[in-house]
Amino acid sequence: MLLKRYGEEGRDYLRKNTGSEPEEAMPYFKKSLELDANGFASTRILWEEIGRKWLDAGRIDDTLILVNLALELHPKEARFHSGLCEIYWRKGTKDKAAEACRKALEIDPNFAPAQELMKKLAQ
């Protein structure tokens, strides 16, 4: 699944910046989550402590990689789908952004960040 999400551009970016492939990182994230559900691979840490800060700092490609890893671990977490929506919105890819927002709202119809992003996409 990770191979499909990244595409060659994302894989090249990860290789260049970390020297690794997405698949190489996943076992470490899974083990971290297994050892401590509130630890490094938790939804709170991955989004609030890392992803949100990276996105706000303009590290769009880094955040995209992180969110795709996070979705592999937490596929039913609305905040990651909403984060993916915001990433695609910032990249100007409205179709992908809308798809990610719809998925977030499918998981949690009352998730305010996704609702707000959908309003922005409609403008």
Protein backbone atom coordinates (compact mmCIF):
# COMPACT_ATOMS: atom_id res chain seq x y z
CA MET A 1 0.00 0.00 0.00
CA LEU A 2 2.81 2.44 0.77
CA LEU A 3 4.23 1.96 -2.70
CA LYS A 4 1.00 3.21 -4.25
CA ARG A 5 0.73 6.22 -1.96
CA TYR A 6 4.15 7.66 -2.53
CA GLY A 7 4.80 7.45 -6.20
CA GLU A 8 8.30 7.88 -7.56
CA GLU A 9 8.52 11.58 -6.67
CA GLY A 10 7.75 10.90 -3.00
CA ARG A 11 10.13 7.96 -2.91
CA ASP A 12 12.93 10.09 -4.41
CA TYR A 13 12.26 12.80 -1.85
CA LEU A 14 12.41 10.32 1.03
CA ARG A 15 15.58 8.72 -0.31
CA LYS A 16 17.25 12.11 -0.71
CA ASN A 17 16.28 13.42 2.72
CA THR A 18 16.47 10.31 4.89
CA GLY A 19 18.41 7.76 2.88
CA SER A 20 15.58 5.27 3.26
CA GLU A 21 12.40 3.97 1.68
CA PRO A 22 8.94 4.41 3.25
CA GLU A 23 8.69 0.68 3.85
CA GLU A 24 11.87 0.75 5.95
CA ALA A 25 10.34 3.15 8.47
CA MET A 26 7.02 1.35 8.92
CA PRO A 27 8.21 -1.52 11.15
CA TYR A 28 9.63 1.01 13.60
CA PHE A 29 6.38 2.98 13.71
CA LYS A 30 4.37 -0.23 14.20
CA LYS A 31 6.68 -1.44 16.98
CA SER A 32 6.48 1.94 18.70
CA LEU A 33 2.68 1.84 18.56
CA GLU A 34 2.66 -1.74 19.85
CA LEU A 35 4.90 -0.83 22.80
CA ASP A 36 3.13 2.39 23.73
CA ALA A 37 -0.20 3.42 22.19
CA ASN A 38 0.40 6.96 23.48
CA GLY A 39 4.02 7.13 22.35
CA PHE A 40 5.79 8.33 19.22
CA ALA A 41 3.44 6.62 16.75
CA SER A 42 0.26 7.81 18.48
CA THR A 43 -2.17 10.04 16.64
CA ARG A 44 -1.46 12.89 19.03
CA ILE A 45 2.30 12.84 18.52
CA LEU A 46 2.23 12.18 14.78
CA TRP A 47 -0.21 14.98 14.05
CA GLU A 48 -0.20 17.55 16.85
CA GLU A 49 3.46 17.37 17.76
CA ILE A 50 4.98 16.75 14.35
CA GLY A 51 2.64 16.94 11.36
CA ARG A 52 0.80 20.13 12.28
CA LYS A 53 4.05 21.92 13.10
CA TRP A 54 5.71 20.81 9.88
CA LEU A 55 2.69 21.86 7.84
CA ASP A 56 2.57 25.26 9.52
CA ALA A 57 6.29 25.64 8.82
CA GLY A 58 5.70 25.00 5.13
CA ARG A 59 7.28 21.54 5.09
CA ILE A 60 4.56 20.23 2.79
CA ASP A 61 6.44 17.27 1.30
CA ASP A 62 7.72 16.14 4.70
CA THR A 63 4.20 16.34 6.09
CA LEU A 64 2.78 14.39 3.15
CA ILE A 65 5.20 11.54 3.82
CA LEU A 66 4.41 11.59 7.54
CA VAL A 67 0.65 11.65 6.99
CA ASN A 68 0.82 8.72 4.57
CA LEU A 69 2.79 6.73 7.15
CA ALA A 70 0.30 7.77 9.83
CA LEU A 71 -2.64 6.67 7.66
CA GLU A 72 -1.03 3.28 7.28
CA LEU A 73 -1.04 3.01 11.09
CA HIS A 74 -4.34 4.81 11.74
CA PRO A 75 -6.56 4.44 8.65
CA LYS A 76 -9.73 5.44 10.49
CA GLU A 77 -8.34 8.61 12.04
CA ALA A 78 -10.18 11.67 10.70
CA ARG A 79 -7.38 14.06 11.62
CA PHE A 80 -4.94 12.40 9.21
CA HIS A 81 -7.43 12.41 6.34
CA SER A 82 -8.13 16.06 7.13
CA GLY A 83 -4.39 16.71 7.23
CA LEU A 84 -4.06 15.07 3.84
CA CYS A 85 -6.85 17.34 2.62
CA GLU A 86 -4.99 20.41 3.82
CA ILE A 87 -1.74 19.25 2.23
CA TYR A 88 -3.40 18.74 -1.15
CA TRP A 89 -5.27 22.04 -0.80
CA ARG A 90 -1.95 23.84 -0.21
CA LYS A 91 -0.44 22.05 -3.21
CA GLY A 92 -3.40 23.21 -5.33
CA THR A 93 -4.71 19.69 -5.95
CA LYS A 94 -8.38 20.33 -5.18
CA ASP A 95 -9.72 16.95 -6.35
CA LYS A 96 -7.42 15.01 -4.05
CA ALA A 97 -8.08 17.49 -1.23
CA ALA A 98 -11.84 17.07 -1.55
CA GLU A 99 -11.50 13.29 -1.61
CA ALA A 100 -9.44 13.34 1.60
CA CYS A 101 -11.91 15.70 3.30
CA ARG A 102 -14.84 13.50 2.33
CA LYS A 103 -13.04 10.52 3.87
CA ALA A 104 -12.43 12.48 7.09
CA LEU A 105 -16.10 13.47 7.26
CA GLU A 106 -17.17 9.92 6.48
CA ILE A 107 -15.22 8.82 9.56
CA ASP A 108 -16.39 11.73 11.72
CA PRO A 109 -19.17 13.91 10.22
CA ASN A 110 -18.64 16.52 12.96
CA PHE A 111 -14.87 16.89 12.52
CA ALA A 112 -14.55 20.68 12.40
CA PRO A 113 -11.16 20.95 10.62
CA ALA A 114 -12.46 18.88 7.70
CA GLN A 115 -15.70 20.87 7.61
CA GLU A 116 -13.71 24.12 7.41
CA LEU A 117 -11.46 22.77 4.68
CA MET A 118 -14.48 21.69 2.64
CA LYS A 119 -15.78 25.27 2.87
CA LYS A 120 -12.43 26.57 1.59
CA LEU A 121 -12.48 24.08 -1.27
CA ALA A 122 -15.95 25.23 -2.28
CA GLN A 123 -14.80 28.84 -2.73
